[in-house]
Structures are given as structure tokens and as C-alpha cells.
Amino acid sequence: MDIDILAMLRLYLILMGISLVIALLLLLWLYRRVRRIHIPPDAGFWETLRLTPFLVVVMIDLLDLALDILAAPVAWVILDRLGLKALRGVSAIEAAVPFTQAAPTMTLCWIAARLFDLQ
């Protein structure tokens, strides 16, 4: 039984490491691309999400998976630097809720914003 728990823990740590590496690579690749997007200063969460490229929300979800609760301040700073300030609050709440890291919340919100044209 102890071996199974250790194997699961090792697998989770490997998954976290891979997620962190992919998220950092995406961040480096997306930084200039996202800075060129014009988002109105008064844009709300859903409008900003519709204007945001899909890989940005995937990167935020990967950071959340990799860093667990520590993803909240990291995602806050990244979204602030990318000019996506309307996404910071939801991302911070998502990262702060324990044991929800496996759920790609921001990705699901991005899909909902595109499918249902939420305001």
C-alpha cells in the first residue's frame, strides 16, 4: 500500500514538473503576441476572455496545476504584465481553492465565453 502512494506521489510530482516547464515555455512564446492585443481598459472578465488567445488560458491552467496554491500570486503578476487585468481575480480564486488544480477552469471559461457569447 505504501508503495502505491509513493508511486502516485512521484507521478503527480512529475506531472507538476512537466506542467511547469510547458507553462513557462508558453509564457515565453506568448509574451510578445499577447502584448499586441488591444483590450479596452473597461473590458470585463468575459470580454477580456473572448479577446485572449486560447494558449494563454491553457498556460494559466498549467501553472495552476504545477504550482498548486502558489499559482495565485504568480498568475496575478503574469496576467498584470500581459495586460489581462480582468482575468486576475478569477485566476487567483481558482488557484487559491485547494484540490481544484486538475480542473482547467480558465479553459472551460474561455470555451463558454466563445460558445455562449457571455457579457
PDB file of N, CA and C in Angstrom:
ATOM      1  N   MET A   1       0.823  -1.194   0.000  1.00  0.00           N
ATOM      2  CA  MET A   1       0.000   0.000   0.000  1.00  0.00           C
ATOM      3  C   MET A   1       0.864   1.254   0.000  1.00  0.00           C
ATOM      4  N   ASP A   2       1.938   1.273   0.798  1.00  0.00           N
ATOM      5  CA  ASP A   2       2.814   2.441   0.852  1.00  0.00           C
ATOM      6  C   ASP A   2       3.504   2.687  -0.483  1.00  0.00           C
ATOM      7  N   ILE A   3       3.807   1.619  -1.197  1.00  0.00           N
ATOM      8  CA  ILE A   3       4.468   1.759  -2.487  1.00  0.00           C
ATOM      9  C   ILE A   3       3.530   2.420  -3.491  1.00  0.00           C
ATOM     10  N   ASP A   4       2.257   2.081  -3.440  1.00  0.00           N
ATOM     11  CA  ASP A   4       1.289   2.690  -4.349  1.00  0.00           C
ATOM     12  C   ASP A   4       1.160   4.197  -4.096  1.00  0.00           C
ATOM     13  N   ILE A   5       1.161   4.592  -2.851  1.00  0.00           N
ATOM     14  CA  ILE A   5       1.054   6.013  -2.517  1.00  0.00           C
ATOM     15  C   ILE A   5       2.305   6.754  -2.982  1.00  0.00           C
ATOM     16  N   LEU A   6       3.456   6.157  -2.758  1.00  0.00           N
ATOM     17  CA  LEU A   6       4.696   6.779  -3.209  1.00  0.00           C
ATOM     18  C   LEU A   6       4.749   6.874  -4.733  1.00  0.00           C
ATOM     19  N   ALA A   7       4.269   5.858  -5.410  1.00  0.00           N
ATOM     20  CA  ALA A   7       4.249   5.881  -6.874  1.00  0.00           C
ATOM     21  C   ALA A   7       3.300   6.965  -7.375  1.00  0.00           C
ATOM     22  N   MET A   8       2.159   7.108  -6.734  1.00  0.00           N
ATOM     23  CA  MET A   8       1.205   8.153  -7.127  1.00  0.00           C
ATOM     24  C   MET A   8       1.781   9.539  -6.857  1.00  0.00           C
ATOM     25  N   LEU A   9       2.447   9.698  -5.718  1.00  0.00           N
ATOM     26  CA  LEU A   9       3.061  10.976  -5.397  1.00  0.00           C
ATOM     27  C   LEU A   9       4.158  11.317  -6.403  1.00  0.00           C
ATOM     28  N   ARG A  10       4.968  10.352  -6.759  1.00  0.00           N
ATOM     29  CA  ARG A  10       6.026  10.559  -7.736  1.00  0.00           C
ATOM     30  C   ARG A  10       5.433  10.937  -9.100  1.00  0.00           C
ATOM     31  N   LEU A  11       4.383  10.254  -9.487  1.00  0.00           N
ATOM     32  CA  LEU A  11       3.723  10.561 -10.758  1.00  0.00           C
ATOM     33  C   LEU A  11       3.153  11.981 -10.750  1.00  0.00           C
ATOM     34  N   TYR A  12       2.549  12.376  -9.637  1.00  0.00           N
ATOM     35  CA  TYR A  12       1.989  13.726  -9.531  1.00  0.00           C
ATOM     36  C   TYR A  12       3.087  14.787  -9.582  1.00  0.00           C
ATOM     37  N   LEU A  13       4.203  14.525  -8.926  1.00  0.00           N
ATOM     38  CA  LEU A  13       5.313  15.475  -8.961  1.00  0.00           C
ATOM     39  C   LEU A  13       5.902  15.599 -10.367  1.00  0.00           C
ATOM     40  N   ILE A  14       5.978  14.490 -11.077  1.00  0.00           N
ATOM     41  CA  ILE A  14       6.443  14.528 -12.463  1.00  0.00           C
ATOM     42  C   ILE A  14       5.464  15.333 -13.322  1.00  0.00           C
ATOM     43  N   LEU A  15       4.176  15.098 -13.128  1.00  0.00           N
ATOM     44  CA  LEU A  15       3.152  15.845 -13.864  1.00  0.00           C
ATOM     45  C   LEU A  15       3.239  17.338 -13.560  1.00  0.00           C
ATOM     46  N   MET A  16       3.470  17.689 -12.295  1.00  0.00           N
ATOM     47  CA  MET A  16       3.613  19.093 -11.920  1.00  0.00           C
ATOM     48  C   MET A  16       4.834  19.714 -12.599  1.00  0.00           C
ATOM     49  N   GLY A  17       5.944  18.990 -12.631  1.00  0.00           N
ATOM     50  CA  GLY A  17       7.156  19.498 -13.271  1.00  0.00           C
ATOM     51  C   GLY A  17       6.980  19.705 -14.760  1.00  0.00           C
ATOM     52  N   ILE A  18       6.369  18.742 -15.414  1.00  0.00           N
ATOM     53  CA  ILE A  18       6.112  18.859 -16.854  1.00  0.00           C
ATOM     54  C   ILE A  18       5.179  20.036 -17.129  1.00  0.00           C
ATOM     55  N   SER A  19       4.146  20.193 -16.311  1.00  0.00           N
ATOM     56  CA  SER A  19       3.205  21.309 -16.474  1.00  0.00           C
ATOM     57  C   SER A  19       3.910  22.645 -16.315  1.00  0.00           C
ATOM     58  N   LEU A  20       4.816  22.739 -15.352  1.00  0.00           N
ATOM     59  CA  LEU A  20       5.541  23.982 -15.129  1.00  0.00           C
ATOM     60  C   LEU A  20       6.440  24.317 -16.312  1.00  0.00           C
ATOM     61  N   VAL A  21       7.141  23.341 -16.833  1.00  0.00           N
ATOM     62  CA  VAL A  21       8.021  23.580 -17.972  1.00  0.00           C
ATOM     63  C   VAL A  21       7.212  24.019 -19.195  1.00  0.00           C
ATOM     64  N   ILE A  22       6.121  23.339 -19.474  1.00  0.00           N
ATOM     65  CA  ILE A  22       5.286  23.707 -20.628  1.00  0.00           C
ATOM     66  C   ILE A  22       4.696  25.102 -20.440  1.00  0.00           C
ATOM     67  N   ALA A  23       4.227  25.419 -19.218  1.00  0.00           N
ATOM     68  CA  ALA A  23       3.660  26.740 -18.952  1.00  0.00           C
ATOM     69  C   ALA A  23       4.700  27.836 -19.146  1.00  0.00           C
ATOM     70  N   LEU A  24       5.914  27.621 -18.686  1.00  0.00           N
ATOM     71  CA  LEU A  24       6.960  28.632 -18.853  1.00  0.00           C
ATOM     72  C   LEU A  24       7.340  28.810 -20.322  1.00  0.00           C
ATOM     73  N   LEU A  25       7.406  27.714 -21.060  1.00  0.00           N
ATOM     74  CA  LEU A  25       7.686  27.814 -22.494  1.00  0.00           C
ATOM     75  C   LEU A  25       6.575  28.563 -23.219  1.00  0.00           C
ATOM     76  N   LEU A  26       5.335  28.279 -22.870  1.00  0.00           N
ATOM     77  CA  LEU A  26       4.201  29.007 -23.460  1.00  0.00           C
ATOM     78  C   LEU A  26       4.261  30.492 -23.117  1.00  0.00           C
ATOM     79  N   LEU A  27       4.620  30.797 -21.880  1.00  0.00           N
ATOM     80  CA  LEU A  27       4.713  32.196 -21.464  1.00  0.00           C
ATOM     81  C   LEU A  27       5.759  32.930 -22.294  1.00  0.00           C
ATOM     82  N   LEU A  28       6.903  32.325 -22.477  1.00  0.00           N
ATOM     83  CA  LEU A  28       7.955  32.955 -23.280  1.00  0.00           C
ATOM     84  C   LEU A  28       7.498  33.163 -24.722  1.00  0.00           C
ATOM     85  N   TRP A  29       6.815  32.191 -25.262  1.00  0.00           N
ATOM     86  CA  TRP A  29       6.357  32.271 -26.653  1.00  0.00           C
ATOM     87  C   TRP A  29       5.225  33.284 -26.825  1.00  0.00           C
ATOM     88  N   LEU A  30       4.332  33.369 -25.832  1.00  0.00           N
ATOM     89  CA  LEU A  30       3.143  34.213 -25.954  1.00  0.00           C
ATOM     90  C   LEU A  30       3.343  35.657 -25.530  1.00  0.00           C
ATOM     91  N   TYR A  31       4.402  35.955 -24.826  1.00  0.00           N
ATOM     92  CA  TYR A  31       4.549  37.285 -24.222  1.00  0.00           C
ATOM     93  C   TYR A  31       4.390  38.408 -25.253  1.00  0.00           C
ATOM     94  N   ARG A  32       5.153  38.378 -26.322  1.00  0.00           N
ATOM     95  CA  ARG A  32       5.058  39.446 -27.320  1.00  0.00           C
ATOM     96  C   ARG A  32       3.736  39.411 -28.078  1.00  0.00           C
ATOM     97  N   ARG A  33       3.234  38.226 -28.325  1.00  0.00           N
ATOM     98  CA  ARG A  33       1.982  38.087 -29.077  1.00  0.00           C
ATOM     99  C   ARG A  33       0.804  38.696 -28.317  1.00  0.00           C
ATOM    100  N   VAL A  34       0.755  38.454 -27.031  1.00  0.00           N
ATOM    101  CA  VAL A  34      -0.373  38.929 -26.229  1.00  0.00           C
ATOM    102  C   VAL A  34      -0.255  40.423 -25.959  1.00  0.00           C
ATOM    103  N   ARG A  35       0.936  40.940 -25.858  1.00  0.00           N
ATOM    104  CA  ARG A  35       1.119  42.372 -25.607  1.00  0.00           C
ATOM    105  C   ARG A  35       0.579  43.217 -26.761  1.00  0.00           C
ATOM    106  N   ARG A  36       0.480  42.665 -27.958  1.00  0.00           N
ATOM    107  CA  ARG A  36      -0.013  43.397 -29.123  1.00  0.00           C
ATOM    108  C   ARG A  36      -1.534  43.434 -29.209  1.00  0.00           C
ATOM    109  N   ILE A  37      -2.211  42.658 -28.391  1.00  0.00           N
ATOM    110  CA  ILE A  37      -3.672  42.616 -28.422  1.00  0.00           C
ATOM    111  C   ILE A  37      -4.219  43.874 -27.748  1.00  0.00           C
ATOM    112  N   HIS A  38      -5.187  44.504 -28.401  1.00  0.00           N
ATOM    113  CA  HIS A  38      -5.815  45.689 -27.817  1.00  0.00           C
ATOM    114  C   HIS A  38      -7.056  45.255 -27.032  1.00  0.00           C
ATOM    115  N   ILE A  39      -6.971  45.439 -25.733  1.00  0.00           N
ATOM    116  CA  ILE A  39      -8.113  45.141 -24.862  1.00  0.00           C
ATOM    117  C   ILE A  39      -8.540  46.466 -24.239  1.00  0.00           C
ATOM    118  N   PRO A  40      -9.798  46.836 -24.407  1.00  0.00           N
ATOM    119  CA  PRO A  40     -10.271  48.108 -23.841  1.00  0.00           C
ATOM    120  C   PRO A  40     -10.029  48.159 -22.329  1.00  0.00           C
ATOM    121  N   PRO A  41      -9.689  49.316 -21.801  1.00  0.00           N
ATOM    122  CA  PRO A  41      -9.403  49.422 -20.361  1.00  0.00           C
ATOM    123  C   PRO A  41     -10.598  49.088 -19.477  1.00  0.00           C
ATOM    124  N   ASP A  42     -11.803  49.268 -19.985  1.00  0.00           N
ATOM    125  CA  ASP A  42     -13.001  48.987 -19.184  1.00  0.00           C
ATOM    126  C   ASP A  42     -13.588  47.601 -19.482  1.00  0.00           C
ATOM    127  N   ALA A  43     -12.840  46.743 -20.159  1.00  0.00           N
ATOM    128  CA  ALA A  43     -13.338  45.406 -20.518  1.00  0.00           C
ATOM    129  C   ALA A  43     -13.505  44.559 -19.262  1.00  0.00           C
ATOM    130  N   GLY A  44     -14.598  43.824 -19.219  1.00  0.00           N
ATOM    131  CA  GLY A  44     -14.859  42.925 -18.109  1.00  0.00           C
ATOM    132  C   GLY A  44     -14.209  41.569 -18.325  1.00  0.00           C
ATOM    133  N   PHE A  45     -14.501  40.656 -17.435  1.00  0.00           N
ATOM    134  CA  PHE A  45     -13.904  39.322 -17.483  1.00  0.00           C
ATOM    135  C   PHE A  45     -14.222  38.607 -18.786  1.00  0.00           C
ATOM    136  N   TRP A  46     -15.498  38.546 -19.159  1.00  0.00           N
ATOM    137  CA  TRP A  46     -15.898  37.774 -20.333  1.00  0.00           C
ATOM    138  C   TRP A  46     -15.388  38.391 -21.634  1.00  0.00           C
ATOM    139  N   GLU A  47     -15.419  39.706 -21.722  1.00  0.00           N
ATOM    140  CA  GLU A  47     -14.915  40.361 -22.929  1.00  0.00           C
ATOM    141  C   GLU A  47     -13.403  40.144 -23.065  1.00  0.00           C
ATOM    142  N   THR A  48     -12.684  40.283 -21.964  1.00  0.00           N
ATOM    143  CA  THR A  48     -11.240  40.044 -21.993  1.00  0.00           C
ATOM    144  C   THR A  48     -10.948  38.603 -22.356  1.00  0.00           C
ATOM    145  N   LEU A  49     -11.735  37.695 -21.832  1.00  0.00           N
ATOM    146  CA  LEU A  49     -11.533  36.272 -22.122  1.00  0.00           C
ATOM    147  C   LEU A  49     -11.767  35.972 -23.599  1.00  0.00           C
ATOM    148  N   ARG A  50     -12.765  36.614 -24.198  1.00  0.00           N
ATOM    149  CA  ARG A  50     -13.011  36.406 -25.630  1.00  0.00           C
ATOM    150  C   ARG A  50     -11.870  36.935 -26.491  1.00  0.00           C
ATOM    151  N   LEU A  51     -11.206  37.994 -26.058  1.00  0.00           N
ATOM    152  CA  LEU A  51     -10.104  38.577 -26.816  1.00  0.00           C
ATOM    153  C   LEU A  51      -8.764  37.889 -26.554  1.00  0.00           C
ATOM    154  N   THR A  52      -8.723  37.042 -25.544  1.00  0.00           N
ATOM    155  CA  THR A  52      -7.482  36.372 -25.147  1.00  0.00           C
ATOM    156  C   THR A  52      -7.272  35.113 -25.979  1.00  0.00           C
ATOM    157  N   PRO A  53      -6.049  34.887 -26.472  1.00  0.00           N
ATOM    158  CA  PRO A  53      -5.769  33.643 -27.204  1.00  0.00           C
ATOM    159  C   PRO A  53      -5.919  32.420 -26.300  1.00  0.00           C
ATOM    160  N   PHE A  54      -6.306  31.313 -26.906  1.00  0.00           N
ATOM    161  CA  PHE A  54      -6.550  30.073 -26.174  1.00  0.00           C
ATOM    162  C   PHE A  54      -5.320  29.601 -25.392  1.00  0.00           C
ATOM    163  N   LEU A  55      -4.148  29.745 -25.961  1.00  0.00           N
ATOM    164  CA  LEU A  55      -2.948  29.251 -25.288  1.00  0.00           C
ATOM    165  C   LEU A  55      -2.631  30.009 -24.002  1.00  0.00           C
ATOM    166  N   VAL A  56      -3.117  31.221 -23.865  1.00  0.00           N
ATOM    167  CA  VAL A  56      -2.903  31.965 -22.617  1.00  0.00           C
ATOM    168  C   VAL A  56      -3.670  31.305 -21.473  1.00  0.00           C
ATOM    169  N   VAL A  57      -4.915  30.946 -21.706  1.00  0.00           N
ATOM    170  CA  VAL A  57      -5.690  30.314 -20.639  1.00  0.00           C
ATOM    171  C   VAL A  57      -5.165  28.908 -20.342  1.00  0.00           C
ATOM    172  N   VAL A  58      -4.668  28.227 -21.359  1.00  0.00           N
ATOM    173  CA  VAL A  58      -4.048  26.916 -21.128  1.00  0.00           C
ATOM    174  C   VAL A  58      -2.811  27.088 -20.253  1.00  0.00           C
ATOM    175  N   MET A  59      -2.013  28.129 -20.531  1.00  0.00           N
ATOM    176  CA  MET A  59      -0.827  28.391 -19.728  1.00  0.00           C
ATOM    177  C   MET A  59      -1.193  28.665 -18.274  1.00  0.00           C
ATOM    178  N   ILE A  60      -2.245  29.438 -18.043  1.00  0.00           N
ATOM    179  CA  ILE A  60      -2.671  29.732 -16.670  1.00  0.00           C
ATOM    180  C   ILE A  60      -3.125  28.452 -15.967  1.00  0.00           C
ATOM    181  N   ASP A  61      -3.861  27.597 -16.669  1.00  0.00           N
ATOM    182  CA  ASP A  61      -4.294  26.329 -16.070  1.00  0.00           C
ATOM    183  C   ASP A  61      -3.106  25.411 -15.791  1.00  0.00           C
ATOM    184  N   LEU A  62      -2.114  25.406 -16.666  1.00  0.00           N
ATOM    185  CA  LEU A  62      -0.915  24.601 -16.421  1.00  0.00           C
ATOM    186  C   LEU A  62      -0.134  25.120 -15.226  1.00  0.00           C
ATOM    187  N   LEU A  63      -0.046  26.428 -15.083  1.00  0.00           N
ATOM    188  CA  LEU A  63       0.596  26.994 -13.893  1.00  0.00           C
ATOM    189  C   LEU A  63      -0.153  26.608 -12.632  1.00  0.00           C
ATOM    190  N   ASP A  64      -1.468  26.638 -12.705  1.00  0.00           N
ATOM    191  CA  ASP A  64      -2.289  26.257 -11.561  1.00  0.00           C
ATOM    192  C   ASP A  64      -2.046  24.798 -11.188  1.00  0.00           C
ATOM    193  N   LEU A  65      -1.930  23.936 -12.170  1.00  0.00           N
ATOM    194  CA  LEU A  65      -1.656  22.526 -11.912  1.00  0.00           C
ATOM    195  C   LEU A  65      -0.260  22.334 -11.331  1.00  0.00           C
ATOM    196  N   ALA A  66       0.702  23.073 -11.864  1.00  0.00           N
ATOM    197  CA  ALA A  66       2.093  22.881 -11.451  1.00  0.00           C
ATOM    198  C   ALA A  66       2.403  23.476 -10.082  1.00  0.00           C
ATOM    199  N   LEU A  67       1.833  24.617  -9.775  1.00  0.00           N
ATOM    200  CA  LEU A  67       2.223  25.329  -8.557  1.00  0.00           C
ATOM    201  C   LEU A  67       1.199  25.252  -7.435  1.00  0.00           C
ATOM    202  N   ASP A  68       0.080  24.616  -7.677  1.00  0.00           N
ATOM    203  CA  ASP A  68      -0.965  24.470  -6.677  1.00  0.00           C
ATOM    204  C   ASP A  68      -1.371  25.846  -6.150  1.00  0.00           C
ATOM    205  N   ILE A  69      -1.393  26.055  -4.867  1.00  0.00           N
ATOM    206  CA  ILE A  69      -1.862  27.322  -4.303  1.00  0.00           C
ATOM    207  C   ILE A  69      -0.881  28.466  -4.563  1.00  0.00           C
ATOM    208  N   LEU A  70       0.373  28.164  -4.835  1.00  0.00           N
ATOM    209  CA  LEU A  70       1.363  29.202  -5.144  1.00  0.00           C
ATOM    210  C   LEU A  70       1.134  29.829  -6.520  1.00  0.00           C
ATOM    211  N   ALA A  71       0.242  29.265  -7.301  1.00  0.00           N
ATOM    212  CA  ALA A  71      -0.041  29.803  -8.628  1.00  0.00           C
ATOM    213  C   ALA A  71      -0.793  31.127  -8.559  1.00  0.00           C
ATOM    214  N   ALA A  72      -1.491  31.394  -7.474  1.00  0.00           N
ATOM    215  CA  ALA A  72      -2.289  32.620  -7.378  1.00  0.00           C
ATOM    216  C   ALA A  72      -1.440  33.883  -7.551  1.00  0.00           C
ATOM    217  N   PRO A  73      -0.380  34.074  -6.772  1.00  0.00           N
ATOM    218  CA  PRO A  73       0.400  35.305  -6.977  1.00  0.00           C
ATOM    219  C   PRO A  73       1.173  35.313  -8.295  1.00  0.00           C
ATOM    220  N   VAL A  74       1.615  34.157  -8.738  1.00  0.00           N
ATOM    221  CA  VAL A  74       2.351  34.078  -9.998  1.00  0.00           C
ATOM    222  C   VAL A  74       1.428  34.435 -11.162  1.00  0.00           C
ATOM    223  N   ALA A  75       0.245  33.850 -11.184  1.00  0.00           N
ATOM    224  CA  ALA A  75      -0.713  34.148 -12.255  1.00  0.00           C
ATOM    225  C   ALA A  75      -1.143  35.605 -12.203  1.00  0.00           C
ATOM    226  N   TRP A  76      -1.291  36.156 -11.017  1.00  0.00           N
ATOM    227  CA  TRP A  76      -1.680  37.560 -10.866  1.00  0.00           C
ATOM    228  C   TRP A  76      -0.649  38.471 -11.535  1.00  0.00           C
ATOM    229  N   VAL A  77       0.627  38.229 -11.267  1.00  0.00           N
ATOM    230  CA  VAL A  77       1.693  39.051 -11.841  1.00  0.00           C
ATOM    231  C   VAL A  77       1.774  38.860 -13.360  1.00  0.00           C
ATOM    232  N   ILE A  78       1.684  37.627 -13.818  1.00  0.00           N
ATOM    233  CA  ILE A  78       1.768  37.350 -15.258  1.00  0.00           C
ATOM    234  C   ILE A  78       0.618  38.026 -15.999  1.00  0.00           C
ATOM    235  N   LEU A  79      -0.599  37.869 -15.495  1.00  0.00           N
ATOM    236  CA  LEU A  79      -1.750  38.480 -16.165  1.00  0.00           C
ATOM    237  C   LEU A  79      -1.676  40.004 -16.124  1.00  0.00           C
ATOM    238  N   ASP A  80      -1.130  40.560 -15.053  1.00  0.00           N
ATOM    239  CA  ASP A  80      -0.945  42.004 -14.972  1.00  0.00           C
ATOM    240  C   ASP A  80       0.048  42.478 -16.029  1.00  0.00           C
ATOM    241  N   ARG A  81       1.150  41.776 -16.185  1.00  0.00           N
ATOM    242  CA  ARG A  81       2.179  42.160 -17.166  1.00  0.00           C
ATOM    243  C   ARG A  81       1.704  41.966 -18.604  1.00  0.00           C
ATOM    244  N   LEU A  82       0.815  40.999 -18.817  1.00  0.00           N
ATOM    245  CA  LEU A  82       0.285  40.765 -20.162  1.00  0.00           C
ATOM    246  C   LEU A  82      -0.848  41.718 -20.519  1.00  0.00           C
ATOM    247  N   GLY A  83      -1.299  42.517 -19.559  1.00  0.00           N
ATOM    248  CA  GLY A  83      -2.382  43.449 -19.822  1.00  0.00           C
ATOM    249  C   GLY A  83      -3.760  42.815 -19.737  1.00  0.00           C
ATOM    250  N   LEU A  84      -3.846  41.676 -19.080  1.00  0.00           N
ATOM    251  CA  LEU A  84      -5.120  40.957 -18.942  1.00  0.00           C
ATOM    252  C   LEU A  84      -5.624  41.071 -17.505  1.00  0.00           C
ATOM    253  N   LYS A  85      -5.764  42.295 -17.047  1.00  0.00           N
ATOM    254  CA  LYS A  85      -6.090  42.545 -15.643  1.00  0.00           C
ATOM    255  C   LYS A  85      -7.466  42.032 -15.239  1.00  0.00           C
ATOM    256  N   ALA A  86      -8.384  41.950 -16.166  1.00  0.00           N
ATOM    257  CA  ALA A  86      -9.732  41.476 -15.835  1.00  0.00           C
ATOM    258  C   ALA A  86      -9.744  39.985 -15.493  1.00  0.00           C
ATOM    259  N   LEU A  87      -8.727  39.260 -15.893  1.00  0.00           N
ATOM    260  CA  LEU A  87      -8.673  37.821 -15.617  1.00  0.00           C
ATOM    261  C   LEU A  87      -7.998  37.499 -14.291  1.00  0.00           C
ATOM    262  N   ARG A  88      -7.376  38.487 -13.667  1.00  0.00           N
ATOM    263  CA  ARG A  88      -6.588  38.223 -12.458  1.00  0.00           C
ATOM    264  C   ARG A  88      -7.415  37.683 -11.302  1.00  0.00           C
ATOM    265  N   GLY A  89      -8.557  38.269 -11.042  1.00  0.00           N
ATOM    266  CA  GLY A  89      -9.360  37.869  -9.887  1.00  0.00           C
ATOM    267  C   GLY A  89      -9.835  36.432  -9.976  1.00  0.00           C
ATOM    268  N   VAL A  90     -10.364  36.054 -11.117  1.00  0.00           N
ATOM    269  CA  VAL A  90     -10.866  34.688 -11.291  1.00  0.00           C
ATOM    270  C   VAL A  90      -9.711  33.694 -11.232  1.00  0.00           C
ATOM    271  N   SER A  91      -8.599  34.053 -11.824  1.00  0.00           N
ATOM    272  CA  SER A  91      -7.431  33.174 -11.800  1.00  0.00           C
ATOM    273  C   SER A  91      -6.914  32.990 -10.376  1.00  0.00           C
ATOM    274  N   ALA A  92      -6.906  34.062  -9.596  1.00  0.00           N
ATOM    275  CA  ALA A  92      -6.435  33.979  -8.216  1.00  0.00           C
ATOM    276  C   ALA A  92      -7.378  33.128  -7.358  1.00  0.00           C
ATOM    277  N   ILE A  93      -8.668  33.291  -7.558  1.00  0.00           N
ATOM    278  CA  ILE A  93      -9.629  32.485  -6.803  1.00  0.00           C
ATOM    279  C   ILE A  93      -9.502  31.016  -7.189  1.00  0.00           C
ATOM    280  N   GLU A  94      -9.355  30.757  -8.484  1.00  0.00           N
ATOM    281  CA  GLU A  94      -9.200  29.380  -8.956  1.00  0.00           C
ATOM    282  C   GLU A  94      -7.958  28.738  -8.354  1.00  0.00           C
ATOM    283  N   ALA A  95      -6.868  29.464  -8.305  1.00  0.00           N
ATOM    284  CA  ALA A  95      -5.622  28.915  -7.779  1.00  0.00           C
ATOM    285  C   ALA A  95      -5.667  28.764  -6.262  1.00  0.00           C
ATOM    286  N   ALA A  96      -6.428  29.602  -5.582  1.00  0.00           N
ATOM    287  CA  ALA A  96      -6.456  29.569  -4.120  1.00  0.00           C
ATOM    288  C   ALA A  96      -7.339  28.458  -3.557  1.00  0.00           C
ATOM    289  N   VAL A  97      -8.261  27.945  -4.346  1.00  0.00           N
ATOM    290  CA  VAL A  97      -9.135  26.879  -3.864  1.00  0.00           C
ATOM    291  C   VAL A  97      -8.377  25.552  -3.949  1.00  0.00           C
ATOM    292  N   PRO A  98      -8.142  24.901  -2.820  1.00  0.00           N
ATOM    293  CA  PRO A  98      -7.356  23.665  -2.831  1.00  0.00           C
ATOM    294  C   PRO A  98      -8.050  22.528  -3.586  1.00  0.00           C
ATOM    295  N   PHE A  99      -7.256  21.688  -4.182  1.00  0.00           N
ATOM    296  CA  PHE A  99      -7.678  20.457  -4.855  1.00  0.00           C
ATOM    297  C   PHE A  99      -8.537  20.684  -6.102  1.00  0.00           C
ATOM    298  N   THR A 100      -8.482  21.873  -6.680  1.00  0.00           N
ATOM    299  CA  THR A 100      -9.198  22.128  -7.932  1.00  0.00           C
ATOM    300  C   THR A 100      -8.227  22.299  -9.094  1.00  0.00           C
ATOM    301  N   GLN A 101      -6.970  22.026  -8.852  1.00  0.00           N
ATOM    302  CA  GLN A 101      -5.957  22.280  -9.864  1.00  0.00           C
ATOM    303  C   GLN A 101      -6.107  21.379 -11.080  1.00  0.00           C
ATOM    304  N   ALA A 102      -6.653  20.209 -10.926  1.00  0.00           N
ATOM    305  CA  ALA A 102      -6.803  19.289 -12.061  1.00  0.00           C
ATOM    306  C   ALA A 102      -7.892  19.756 -13.031  1.00  0.00           C
ATOM    307  N   ALA A 103      -8.791  20.605 -12.557  1.00  0.00           N
ATOM    308  CA  ALA A 103      -9.863  21.111 -13.423  1.00  0.00           C
ATOM    309  C   ALA A 103      -9.374  22.347 -14.173  1.00  0.00           C
ATOM    310  N   PRO A 104      -9.418  22.340 -15.489  1.00  0.00           N
ATOM    311  CA  PRO A 104      -8.960  23.501 -16.271  1.00  0.00           C
ATOM    312  C   PRO A 104     -10.020  24.600 -16.315  1.00  0.00           C
ATOM    313  N   THR A 105     -10.195  25.276 -15.219  1.00  0.00           N
ATOM    314  CA  THR A 105     -11.275  26.244 -15.065  1.00  0.00           C
ATOM    315  C   THR A 105     -11.206  27.385 -16.079  1.00  0.00           C
ATOM    316  N   MET A 106     -10.033  27.971 -16.248  1.00  0.00           N
ATOM    317  CA  MET A 106      -9.915  29.088 -17.184  1.00  0.00           C
ATOM    318  C   MET A 106     -10.180  28.642 -18.621  1.00  0.00           C
ATOM    319  N   THR A 107      -9.748  27.441 -18.963  1.00  0.00           N
ATOM    320  CA  THR A 107     -10.006  26.913 -20.305  1.00  0.00           C
ATOM    321  C   THR A 107     -11.496  26.708 -20.514  1.00  0.00           C
ATOM    322  N   LEU A 108     -12.178  26.170 -19.515  1.00  0.00           N
ATOM    323  CA  LEU A 108     -13.624  25.977 -19.617  1.00  0.00           C
ATOM    324  C   LEU A 108     -14.355  27.312 -19.714  1.00  0.00           C
ATOM    325  N   CYS A 109     -13.887  28.315 -18.969  1.00  0.00           N
ATOM    326  CA  CYS A 109     -14.486  29.654 -19.070  1.00  0.00           C
ATOM    327  C   CYS A 109     -14.262  30.250 -20.458  1.00  0.00           C
ATOM    328  N   TRP A 110     -13.069  30.033 -21.026  1.00  0.00           N
ATOM    329  CA  TRP A 110     -12.768  30.546 -22.368  1.00  0.00           C
ATOM    330  C   TRP A 110     -13.711  29.920 -23.393  1.00  0.00           C
ATOM    331  N   ILE A 111     -13.936  28.605 -23.284  1.00  0.00           N
ATOM    332  CA  ILE A 111     -14.846  27.911 -24.190  1.00  0.00           C
ATOM    333  C   ILE A 111     -16.273  28.426 -24.021  1.00  0.00           C
ATOM    334  N   ALA A 112     -16.699  28.610 -22.768  1.00  0.00           N
ATOM    335  CA  ALA A 112     -18.038  29.131 -22.500  1.00  0.00           C
ATOM    336  C   ALA A 112     -18.198  30.546 -23.058  1.00  0.00           C
ATOM    337  N   ALA A 113     -17.162  31.372 -22.923  1.00  0.00           N
ATOM    338  CA  ALA A 113     -17.234  32.745 -23.434  1.00  0.00           C
ATOM    339  C   ALA A 113     -17.372  32.751 -24.942  1.00  0.00           C
ATOM    340  N   ARG A 114     -16.742  31.801 -25.617  1.00  0.00           N
ATOM    341  CA  ARG A 114     -16.835  31.737 -27.082  1.00  0.00           C
ATOM    342  C   ARG A 114     -18.155  31.125 -27.542  1.00  0.00           C
ATOM    343  N   LEU A 115     -18.597  30.072 -26.878  1.00  0.00           N
ATOM    344  CA  LEU A 115     -19.822  29.386 -27.300  1.00  0.00           C
ATOM    345  C   LEU A 115     -21.082  30.182 -27.005  1.00  0.00           C
ATOM    346  N   PHE A 116     -21.151  30.774 -25.827  1.00  0.00           N
ATOM    347  CA  PHE A 116     -22.392  31.403 -25.384  1.00  0.00           C
ATOM    348  C   PHE A 116     -22.376  32.923 -25.500  1.00  0.00           C
ATOM    349  N   ASP A 117     -21.305  33.510 -25.987  1.00  0.00           N
ATOM    350  CA  ASP A 117     -21.184  34.952 -26.151  1.00  0.00           C
ATOM    351  C   ASP A 117     -21.590  35.682 -24.870  1.00  0.00           C
ATOM    352  N   LEU A 118     -20.961  35.295 -23.777  1.00  0.00           N
ATOM    353  CA  LEU A 118     -21.275  35.865 -22.466  1.00  0.00           C
ATOM    354  C   LEU A 118     -20.767  37.292 -22.367  1.00  0.00           C
ATOM    355  N   GLN A 119     -21.518  38.116 -21.668  1.00  0.00           N
ATOM    356  CA  GLN A 119     -21.126  39.537 -21.495  1.00  0.00           C
ATOM    357  C   GLN A 119     -20.669  39.765 -20.094  1.00  0.00           C
TER     358      GLN A 119
END
